[in-house]
N, C-alpha and C. Protein backbone atom coordinates (compact mmCIF):
# COMPACT_ATOMS: atom_id res chain seq x y z
N MET A 1 0.95 -0.89 -0.03
CA MET A 1 -0.07 0.33 0.57
C MET A 1 0.64 0.78 0.33
N THR A 2 0.28 2.59 -0.92
CA THR A 2 1.47 3.22 -0.90
C THR A 2 0.32 4.26 -0.20
N LEU A 3 1.05 4.72 0.64
CA LEU A 3 0.29 6.29 1.83
C LEU A 3 0.94 7.07 0.98
N SER A 4 0.38 8.56 1.72
CA SER A 4 0.73 9.53 0.88
C SER A 4 2.33 9.94 1.19
N ARG A 5 2.87 11.32 0.72
CA ARG A 5 3.59 11.91 0.56
C ARG A 5 4.94 10.46 -0.08
N GLY A 6 4.91 9.09 -0.73
CA GLY A 6 5.92 8.05 -0.53
C GLY A 6 6.07 7.67 0.93
N ARG A 7 5.06 7.89 1.30
CA ARG A 7 5.58 6.82 3.04
C ARG A 7 4.96 4.92 2.17
N THR A 8 4.93 4.47 2.31
CA THR A 8 4.83 2.63 2.33
C THR A 8 4.41 1.52 3.78
N ALA A 9 3.72 1.10 3.46
CA ALA A 9 3.47 -0.15 4.43
C ALA A 9 3.15 -1.35 4.00
N VAL A 10 3.55 -2.91 4.17
CA VAL A 10 2.58 -3.39 3.83
C VAL A 10 2.05 -4.70 4.89
N VAL A 11 1.01 -4.96 4.47
CA VAL A 11 -0.07 -5.83 5.86
C VAL A 11 0.03 -6.94 5.27
N THR A 12 0.42 -7.91 5.69
CA THR A 12 0.94 -9.35 5.34
C THR A 12 -1.18 -10.63 6.86
N GLY A 13 -1.58 -11.30 5.43
CA GLY A 13 -2.78 -12.08 6.08
C GLY A 13 -2.20 -13.69 6.22
N GLY A 14 -2.82 -14.19 7.30
CA GLY A 14 -2.68 -15.35 7.92
C GLY A 14 -3.36 -15.38 6.82
N ALA A 15 -3.96 -16.85 7.62
CA ALA A 15 -4.84 -17.10 6.87
C ALA A 15 -6.49 -17.40 7.73
N ARG A 16 -7.32 -16.82 6.95
CA ARG A 16 -8.63 -16.30 7.16
C ARG A 16 -9.57 -18.07 6.16
N GLY A 17 -11.01 -17.46 7.63
CA GLY A 17 -11.68 -18.54 7.91
C GLY A 17 -13.35 -18.51 6.70
N ILE A 18 -12.36 -17.78 5.69
CA ILE A 18 -13.86 -17.65 4.27
C ILE A 18 -12.96 -18.08 2.50
N GLY A 19 -13.99 -18.53 1.95
CA GLY A 19 -14.22 -18.69 0.92
C GLY A 19 -13.18 -19.83 0.47
N LEU A 20 -11.78 -19.36 -0.40
CA LEU A 20 -11.24 -21.66 -0.78
C LEU A 20 -10.68 -21.23 -0.04
N ALA A 21 -10.07 -20.64 1.35
CA ALA A 21 -9.33 -21.40 1.94
C ALA A 21 -10.28 -22.33 3.09
N THR A 22 -11.60 -22.56 3.00
CA THR A 22 -12.61 -23.55 4.15
C THR A 22 -13.04 -24.04 2.68
N GLU A 23 -13.27 -23.59 1.83
CA GLU A 23 -14.19 -24.55 1.01
C GLU A 23 -13.45 -25.81 0.28
N ALA A 24 -12.10 -25.47 -0.05
CA ALA A 24 -11.19 -26.27 -0.73
C ALA A 24 -10.29 -27.46 0.28
N MET A 25 -10.50 -27.40 1.42
CA MET A 25 -9.48 -28.07 2.54
C MET A 25 -10.48 -28.95 3.20
N PRO A 26 -10.22 -30.06 3.27
CA PRO A 26 -11.03 -30.52 4.25
C PRO A 26 -10.63 -30.45 5.64
N GLN A 27 -11.81 -30.60 6.58
CA GLN A 27 -12.27 -29.97 7.75
C GLN A 27 -10.93 -29.69 8.25
N ARG A 28 -10.70 -31.42 8.59
CA ARG A 28 -9.33 -32.15 9.71
C ARG A 28 -8.28 -31.22 8.72
N ALA A 29 -7.79 -31.23 7.70
CA ALA A 29 -6.54 -30.15 7.88
C ALA A 29 -7.13 -28.63 7.83
N TRP A 30 -8.07 -28.17 7.49
CA TRP A 30 -8.11 -26.67 7.66
C TRP A 30 -7.99 -26.96 10.12
N ASP A 31 -8.24 -27.41 10.61
CA ASP A 31 -7.85 -28.11 12.14
C ASP A 31 -6.72 -27.33 12.30
N GLN A 32 -6.13 -29.16 11.61
CA GLN A 32 -4.49 -28.52 12.03
C GLN A 32 -4.16 -27.70 11.64
N LYS A 33 -4.44 -26.86 10.34
CA LYS A 33 -3.84 -25.20 9.51
C LYS A 33 -4.49 -24.09 10.74
N THR A 34 -5.23 -24.42 11.38
CA THR A 34 -5.50 -23.72 13.04
C THR A 34 -5.10 -23.97 14.06
N ALA A 35 -4.60 -25.64 14.47
CA ALA A 35 -3.99 -25.21 15.41
C ALA A 35 -2.36 -24.79 15.90
N GLU A 36 -2.42 -24.43 14.15
CA GLU A 36 -0.33 -24.15 14.20
C GLU A 36 -0.28 -22.75 14.20
N VAL A 37 -1.11 -22.06 14.69
CA VAL A 37 -1.90 -20.43 15.23
C VAL A 37 -1.36 -20.08 16.07
N PRO A 38 -0.48 -19.34 16.79
CA PRO A 38 -1.00 -19.29 18.29
C PRO A 38 -2.18 -19.12 19.18
N LEU A 39 -3.01 -18.45 18.40
CA LEU A 39 -4.11 -18.01 18.98
C LEU A 39 -4.58 -18.80 18.61
N GLY A 40 -4.83 -19.66 18.41
CA GLY A 40 -5.94 -20.91 18.12
C GLY A 40 -7.12 -20.46 17.42
N ARG A 41 -7.41 -19.24 15.67
CA ARG A 41 -8.08 -19.49 15.21
C ARG A 41 -7.37 -18.51 13.87
N ALA A 42 -8.59 -18.76 12.58
CA ALA A 42 -8.03 -17.71 11.48
C ALA A 42 -8.49 -16.54 11.95
N GLY A 43 -8.25 -15.76 10.74
CA GLY A 43 -8.78 -14.35 11.45
C GLY A 43 -9.38 -14.06 10.74
N GLU A 44 -9.81 -12.53 10.75
CA GLU A 44 -11.40 -12.32 10.29
C GLU A 44 -10.86 -11.61 8.93
N PRO A 45 -11.71 -10.81 7.89
CA PRO A 45 -10.90 -10.13 6.48
C PRO A 45 -11.16 -8.27 7.49
N ASP A 46 -12.03 -8.23 8.70
CA ASP A 46 -12.29 -7.55 9.14
C ASP A 46 -10.59 -6.67 10.26
N GLU A 47 -10.61 -7.24 10.76
CA GLU A 47 -8.94 -7.50 11.28
C GLU A 47 -7.50 -7.45 10.62
N ILE A 48 -7.59 -7.85 9.22
CA ILE A 48 -7.02 -7.11 8.76
C ILE A 48 -7.05 -5.79 7.65
N ALA A 49 -8.67 -5.79 7.88
CA ALA A 49 -8.93 -3.99 7.17
C ALA A 49 -8.57 -3.04 7.82
N SER A 50 -8.79 -3.64 9.57
CA SER A 50 -8.62 -2.17 10.78
C SER A 50 -7.23 -1.82 11.12
N VAL A 51 -5.83 -3.15 10.81
CA VAL A 51 -4.90 -2.43 10.06
C VAL A 51 -4.60 -1.60 9.04
N CYS A 52 -4.99 -1.49 7.87
CA CYS A 52 -5.07 -0.82 6.62
C CYS A 52 -6.13 0.75 7.04
N THR A 53 -6.66 0.43 7.54
CA THR A 53 -7.23 1.59 8.18
C THR A 53 -7.02 2.55 9.14
N PHE A 54 -5.79 2.49 9.78
CA PHE A 54 -4.87 2.55 10.37
C PHE A 54 -3.71 3.28 10.38
N TYR A 55 -2.75 2.45 8.87
CA TYR A 55 -2.03 2.88 7.98
C TYR A 55 -2.39 4.38 6.61
N ALA A 56 -4.07 4.21 6.68
CA ALA A 56 -4.01 4.47 5.81
C ALA A 56 -4.16 6.25 6.47
N SER A 57 -4.89 6.14 7.78
CA SER A 57 -4.68 7.01 8.87
C SER A 57 -3.64 8.26 9.59
N HIS A 58 -3.67 9.56 10.39
CA HIS A 58 -3.06 9.80 10.10
C HIS A 58 -2.67 9.88 12.00
N MET A 59 -3.08 8.30 11.80
CA MET A 59 -2.17 7.51 13.43
C MET A 59 -0.80 6.91 13.19
N SER A 60 -0.71 7.01 12.01
CA SER A 60 0.31 6.49 11.62
C SER A 60 1.17 7.03 10.56
N SER A 61 0.58 8.53 10.63
CA SER A 61 1.16 9.47 10.12
C SER A 61 3.12 9.92 10.27
N CYS A 62 4.06 9.18 11.08
CA CYS A 62 5.49 8.89 11.00
C CYS A 62 6.02 7.61 10.90
N MET A 63 5.24 6.68 10.06
CA MET A 63 5.62 5.31 9.98
C MET A 63 5.90 5.29 7.75
N THR A 64 6.89 4.77 7.87
CA THR A 64 6.38 3.80 7.17
C THR A 64 8.15 3.07 6.86
N GLY A 65 7.62 2.51 6.04
CA GLY A 65 9.06 0.97 5.36
C GLY A 65 8.70 -0.10 6.44
N THR A 66 6.68 -0.19 6.66
CA THR A 66 7.05 -1.45 7.63
C THR A 66 5.80 -2.65 7.24
N VAL A 67 5.96 -3.26 7.89
CA VAL A 67 5.70 -4.58 7.55
C VAL A 67 4.40 -5.14 8.85
N ALA A 68 3.18 -5.40 8.72
CA ALA A 68 1.97 -5.39 9.94
C ALA A 68 1.92 -6.86 8.84
N GLU A 69 2.17 -7.85 10.53
CA GLU A 69 1.95 -9.49 10.27
C GLU A 69 0.68 -10.13 11.32
N VAL A 70 -0.71 -9.55 10.09
CA VAL A 70 -2.23 -9.88 10.71
C VAL A 70 -2.76 -11.44 10.95
N THR A 71 -1.26 -12.27 11.22
CA THR A 71 -1.18 -13.95 11.08
C THR A 71 -1.44 -14.77 12.63
N GLY A 72 -2.42 -13.77 13.69
CA GLY A 72 -2.74 -14.41 15.23
C GLY A 72 -1.21 -15.06 15.75
N GLY A 73 0.45 -14.53 15.16
CA GLY A 73 1.15 -15.00 15.62
C GLY A 73 1.79 -16.28 14.77
N ARG A 74 1.04 -16.91 14.13
CA ARG A 74 2.07 -17.35 13.10
C ARG A 74 2.90 -17.40 12.31
N LEU A 75 4.10 -17.48 12.10
CA LEU A 75 5.63 -16.85 11.28
C LEU A 75 4.94 -17.42 10.51
N MET A 76 5.23 -15.83 8.73
CA MET A 76 4.95 -16.20 7.61
C MET A 76 5.30 -17.45 6.82
């Protein structure tokens, strides 16, 4: 995401419990994948959107070149 005055930020998302992530994967495999996440659950789209909203707001005006991992604690 490119912000004003050349500021940049990256938001990475982990497993989310929507769409193809859950439809194409057997339940047992999905349960195993979410068990690997320290928070014990998949993230929700609005949780990633909240981080994007923060980066787009004045609250992050002194931040640039950052990476926010919205992964529930699971390392990418």
